[in-house]
Amino acid sequence: MTYKTGGILIENLRKVYGHGDTAVEALKNVNMQVSAGEVVGLVGPSGAGKSTLLKCLGAIIEPTSGRMTLGNEVIFEDGCANFELVDTCENIRELPVKSAVQIKIDNLKRELAELEKLV
């Protein structure tokens, strides 16, 4: 995957909730690239992992494994987070990501919250 700096790069991202027989794999080796300024929509059925992916990107939850790059900053790589988990998207504003990407992420989160109210 060729990556142009300044956007979002997700490589083999996994998120597993629970352990053993009760473990649920919410994200299974997700790969995605979003260039700076590009607009992307996440669609899929309930339980597909859309919210989990956004929560990982927003530093609200920590992935199980994989790699996430925002801008030029690797924020997570195979069990090592380069951020503190928060209840808000405060960390996003502190990363060296172009403001257009920050605005789009904030807008997507607001839209997601509105859509979740409808469900």
Protein backbone atom coordinates (compact mmCIF):
# COMPACT_ATOMS: atom_id res chain seq x y z
CA MET A 1 0.00 0.00 0.00
CA THR A 2 1.54 3.31 -1.07
CA TYR A 3 0.94 6.02 1.52
CA LYS A 4 1.09 9.76 0.94
CA THR A 5 1.77 11.54 4.22
CA GLY A 6 -0.85 13.83 5.67
CA GLY A 7 -3.82 11.46 5.70
CA ILE A 8 -4.93 8.35 7.53
CA LEU A 9 -3.40 4.92 7.06
CA ILE A 10 -4.79 1.82 8.76
CA GLU A 11 -2.93 -1.48 8.35
CA ASN A 12 -4.14 -4.89 9.56
CA LEU A 13 -6.10 -3.29 12.40
CA ARG A 14 -7.80 -5.70 14.81
CA LYS A 15 -9.97 -5.13 17.84
CA VAL A 16 -11.02 -8.06 20.01
CA TYR A 17 -13.40 -7.67 22.94
CA GLY A 18 -13.23 -10.31 25.66
CA HIS A 19 -11.10 -13.44 25.91
CA GLY A 20 -11.27 -17.13 25.11
CA ASP A 21 -14.62 -18.62 24.08
CA THR A 22 -16.46 -15.34 24.62
CA ALA A 23 -14.06 -13.22 22.51
CA VAL A 24 -15.64 -11.11 19.79
CA GLU A 25 -13.47 -9.87 16.92
CA ALA A 26 -15.00 -6.49 16.07
CA LEU A 27 -12.29 -5.52 13.55
CA LYS A 28 -10.58 -8.17 11.45
CA ASN A 29 -7.39 -7.02 9.72
CA VAL A 30 -8.83 -3.73 8.44
CA ASN A 31 -6.76 -1.92 5.81
CA MET A 32 -7.71 1.58 4.70
CA GLN A 33 -6.07 4.73 3.36
CA VAL A 34 -7.62 8.19 3.33
CA SER A 35 -5.66 10.95 1.65
CA ALA A 36 -5.59 14.45 3.13
CA GLY A 37 -8.68 16.30 1.94
CA GLU A 38 -10.45 13.13 0.83
CA VAL A 39 -14.01 12.55 2.06
CA VAL A 40 -14.91 8.98 3.06
CA GLY A 41 -18.10 7.34 4.31
CA LEU A 42 -18.25 4.15 6.36
CA VAL A 43 -21.25 2.01 5.56
CA GLY A 44 -22.21 -1.48 6.62
CA PRO A 45 -24.70 -3.47 8.62
CA SER A 46 -25.10 -3.21 12.36
CA GLY A 47 -22.18 -4.91 14.09
CA ALA A 48 -19.81 -4.53 11.15
CA GLY A 49 -17.28 -2.50 13.18
CA LYS A 50 -17.90 1.04 11.90
CA SER A 51 -18.14 2.62 15.35
CA THR A 52 -15.26 0.53 16.66
CA LEU A 53 -13.03 1.76 13.82
CA LEU A 54 -13.92 5.40 14.48
CA LYS A 55 -13.34 4.94 18.23
CA CYS A 56 -9.89 3.51 17.52
CA LEU A 57 -9.05 6.43 15.23
CA GLY A 58 -10.36 8.91 17.79
CA ALA A 59 -8.16 7.42 20.54
CA ILE A 60 -11.23 6.49 22.55
CA ILE A 61 -10.40 2.78 22.56
CA GLU A 62 -7.14 0.97 21.86
CA PRO A 63 -6.93 -1.59 19.05
CA THR A 64 -5.73 -5.12 19.77
CA SER A 65 -3.14 -5.11 16.98
CA GLY A 66 -2.21 -3.49 13.68
CA ARG A 67 -0.98 -0.03 12.83
CA MET A 68 -2.63 3.41 12.60
CA THR A 69 -0.93 6.46 11.13
CA LEU A 70 -2.47 9.96 11.26
CA GLY A 71 -0.59 12.56 9.32
CA ASN A 72 3.08 11.69 9.73
CA GLU A 73 2.57 10.25 13.23
CA VAL A 74 2.25 6.52 13.95
CA ILE A 75 -0.30 6.57 16.78
CA PHE A 76 -0.59 2.81 17.29
CA GLU A 77 1.57 -0.13 16.28
CA ASP A 78 1.07 -3.74 17.43
CA GLY A 79 0.16 -3.16 21.05
CA CYS A 80 2.03 0.10 21.52
CA ALA A 81 -0.13 3.22 21.65
CA ASN A 82 1.46 6.58 21.01
CA PHE A 83 -1.46 8.40 22.67
CA GLU A 84 -3.45 8.47 25.89
CA LEU A 85 -7.00 7.16 25.73
CA VAL A 86 -9.59 9.88 26.31
CA ASP A 87 -13.34 10.29 26.44
CA THR A 88 -13.27 13.01 23.77
CA CYS A 89 -11.37 13.54 20.54
CA GLU A 90 -8.88 15.88 22.31
CA ASN A 91 -5.91 13.78 21.10
CA ILE A 92 -6.88 14.26 17.45
CA ARG A 93 -6.41 18.02 17.79
CA GLU A 94 -2.91 17.54 19.23
CA LEU A 95 -1.61 15.34 16.43
CA PRO A 96 0.18 16.84 13.42
CA VAL A 97 -2.76 16.22 11.10
CA LYS A 98 -3.85 18.83 8.60
CA SER A 99 -6.84 20.83 9.83
CA ALA A 100 -9.05 19.63 6.95
CA VAL A 101 -8.68 16.04 8.16
CA GLN A 102 -9.43 17.10 11.75
CA ILE A 103 -12.60 18.87 10.68
CA LYS A 104 -13.75 15.89 8.64
CA ILE A 105 -13.16 13.49 11.54
CA ASP A 106 -15.10 15.77 13.90
CA ASN A 107 -17.94 16.05 11.39
CA LEU A 108 -18.06 12.28 10.90
CA LYS A 109 -18.24 11.76 14.66
CA ARG A 110 -21.13 14.24 14.97
CA GLU A 111 -22.95 12.61 12.05
CA LEU A 112 -22.38 9.16 13.55
CA ALA A 113 -23.78 10.32 16.89
CA GLU A 114 -26.88 11.65 15.11
CA LEU A 115 -27.32 8.40 13.17
CA GLU A 116 -26.94 6.32 16.34
CA LYS A 117 -29.81 8.31 17.90
CA LEU A 118 -32.06 7.13 15.06
CA VAL A 119 -31.31 3.45 15.65
